[in-house]
Amino acid sequence: MAYDLNLANKVREYLTEATALEVQEKTMFGGIAFLVDGKMCVNVSGEHLMCRIDPKQADQLNKRSGVEPMVMRGRKLDGYCLVNFDGYKDKKDLEFWIDACLKFNHLAERSKKK
């Protein structure tokens, strides 16, 4: 699946400015993932943001405009959500979602290497 290059550039630019941590990019989930401190933080897939968020805040965050639960292989993934254009259409909203991902990133566990 192709991903929105403009959205990816906005995410890349904000992460570069917002964090002194190392940001890496990796093809994942049919899009481009931005890894912060070696952990998947936010992903651009198609025209969606796939956000890794604090599962304790998921119910509250899922009530925001343009948000839907992340479902993979018929299973809802706790701590992840998809945000469509309505949820990030202005700069302030996009930054809100990236900040939510960054806030949880230091608590998130690294994926186990296979």
Protein backbone atom coordinates (compact mmCIF):
# COMPACT_ATOMS: atom_id res chain seq x y z
CA MET A 1 0.00 0.00 0.00
CA ALA A 2 1.31 3.44 -0.85
CA TYR A 3 1.44 6.13 1.80
CA ASP A 4 0.84 9.88 1.73
CA LEU A 5 4.30 11.40 1.13
CA ASN A 6 3.15 14.86 2.23
CA LEU A 7 1.88 13.50 5.54
CA ALA A 8 5.07 11.48 6.04
CA ASN A 9 7.14 14.61 5.43
CA LYS A 10 5.11 16.55 8.02
CA VAL A 11 5.57 13.77 10.59
CA ARG A 12 9.31 13.54 9.81
CA GLU A 13 9.75 17.31 10.13
CA TYR A 14 7.90 17.50 13.44
CA LEU A 15 9.75 14.52 14.95
CA THR A 16 13.07 16.00 13.93
CA GLU A 17 12.19 19.28 15.63
CA ALA A 18 10.34 17.85 18.66
CA THR A 19 12.81 15.28 19.93
CA ALA A 20 16.53 15.01 20.46
CA LEU A 21 16.19 11.22 20.34
CA GLU A 22 17.24 9.23 17.32
CA VAL A 23 14.44 8.88 14.77
CA GLN A 24 14.63 6.02 12.30
CA GLU A 25 12.32 5.16 9.43
CA LYS A 26 11.30 1.65 8.48
CA THR A 27 8.80 0.17 6.06
CA MET A 28 6.09 -1.46 8.21
CA PHE A 29 2.35 -2.10 8.21
CA GLY A 30 2.04 -1.18 4.54
CA GLY A 31 3.48 2.29 5.13
CA ILE A 32 6.40 4.05 6.74
CA ALA A 33 7.02 3.77 10.46
CA PHE A 34 8.88 6.32 12.50
CA LEU A 35 10.82 4.69 15.29
CA VAL A 36 11.95 6.78 18.24
CA ASP A 37 14.53 5.33 20.61
CA GLY A 38 14.29 2.08 18.62
CA LYS A 39 10.52 1.71 19.18
CA MET A 40 7.66 2.17 16.70
CA CYS A 41 6.14 5.53 17.58
CA VAL A 42 3.90 6.59 14.68
CA ASN A 43 3.24 5.20 11.22
CA VAL A 44 1.88 6.70 8.02
CA SER A 45 -0.17 4.14 6.11
CA GLY A 46 -2.14 5.34 3.13
CA GLU A 47 -3.70 8.60 4.31
CA HIS A 48 -3.89 7.46 7.93
CA LEU A 49 -1.72 7.98 10.95
CA MET A 50 -1.31 4.79 12.91
CA CYS A 51 -0.60 5.98 16.41
CA ARG A 52 0.93 4.01 19.27
CA ILE A 53 -0.70 5.48 22.34
CA ASP A 54 -0.98 4.78 26.04
CA PRO A 55 -3.60 2.03 26.36
CA LYS A 56 -4.83 3.72 29.57
CA GLN A 57 -5.79 6.80 27.51
CA ALA A 58 -7.18 4.92 24.51
CA ASP A 59 -10.86 5.29 25.44
CA GLN A 60 -10.49 9.05 25.81
CA LEU A 61 -8.38 9.49 22.66
CA ASN A 62 -10.66 7.26 20.57
CA LYS A 63 -13.48 9.79 21.11
CA ARG A 64 -11.64 12.46 19.11
CA SER A 65 -12.69 13.30 15.57
CA GLY A 66 -11.36 11.05 12.81
CA VAL A 67 -10.21 8.23 15.09
CA GLU A 68 -10.97 4.55 14.75
CA PRO A 69 -9.58 1.52 16.58
CA MET A 70 -6.68 -0.32 15.01
CA VAL A 71 -7.78 -3.78 13.86
CA MET A 72 -5.36 -6.35 12.49
CA ARG A 73 -6.43 -9.79 11.34
CA GLY A 74 -9.83 -9.22 12.92
CA ARG A 75 -8.38 -8.32 16.31
CA LYS A 76 -8.44 -4.88 17.95
CA LEU A 77 -4.95 -3.81 19.01
CA ASP A 78 -4.86 -2.11 22.40
CA GLY A 79 -2.65 0.94 22.47
CA TYR A 80 -2.99 1.67 18.76
CA CYS A 81 -5.45 3.73 16.76
CA LEU A 82 -5.90 4.97 13.20
CA VAL A 83 -6.43 8.66 12.60
CA ASN A 84 -7.88 9.78 9.28
CA PHE A 85 -7.65 13.24 7.68
CA ASP A 86 -10.49 14.63 9.82
CA GLY A 87 -8.37 13.93 12.89
CA TYR A 88 -5.18 15.66 11.71
CA LYS A 89 -6.36 18.17 9.11
CA ASP A 90 -4.74 21.13 10.81
CA LYS A 91 -1.21 21.43 12.15
CA LYS A 92 -2.34 21.62 15.77
CA ASP A 93 -4.22 18.31 15.52
CA LEU A 94 -1.34 16.57 13.74
CA GLU A 95 1.05 17.74 16.46
CA PHE A 96 -1.42 16.57 19.13
CA TRP A 97 -1.28 13.01 17.78
CA ILE A 98 2.49 12.94 17.33
CA ASP A 99 2.91 14.30 20.86
CA ALA A 100 0.56 11.61 22.22
CA CYS A 101 2.75 8.99 20.52
CA LEU A 102 5.95 10.57 21.85
CA LYS A 103 4.50 10.78 25.36
CA PHE A 104 3.87 7.04 25.40
CA ASN A 105 7.07 6.11 23.57
CA HIS A 106 9.32 6.20 26.64
CA LEU A 107 6.91 3.77 28.40
CA ALA A 108 6.50 1.44 25.42
CA GLU A 109 8.38 -1.81 25.28
CA ARG A 110 10.68 -2.63 22.40
CA SER A 111 9.56 -5.39 20.08
CA LYS A 112 11.37 -8.64 20.57
CA LYS A 113 13.80 -9.41 17.76
CA LYS A 114 12.99 -12.63 15.90
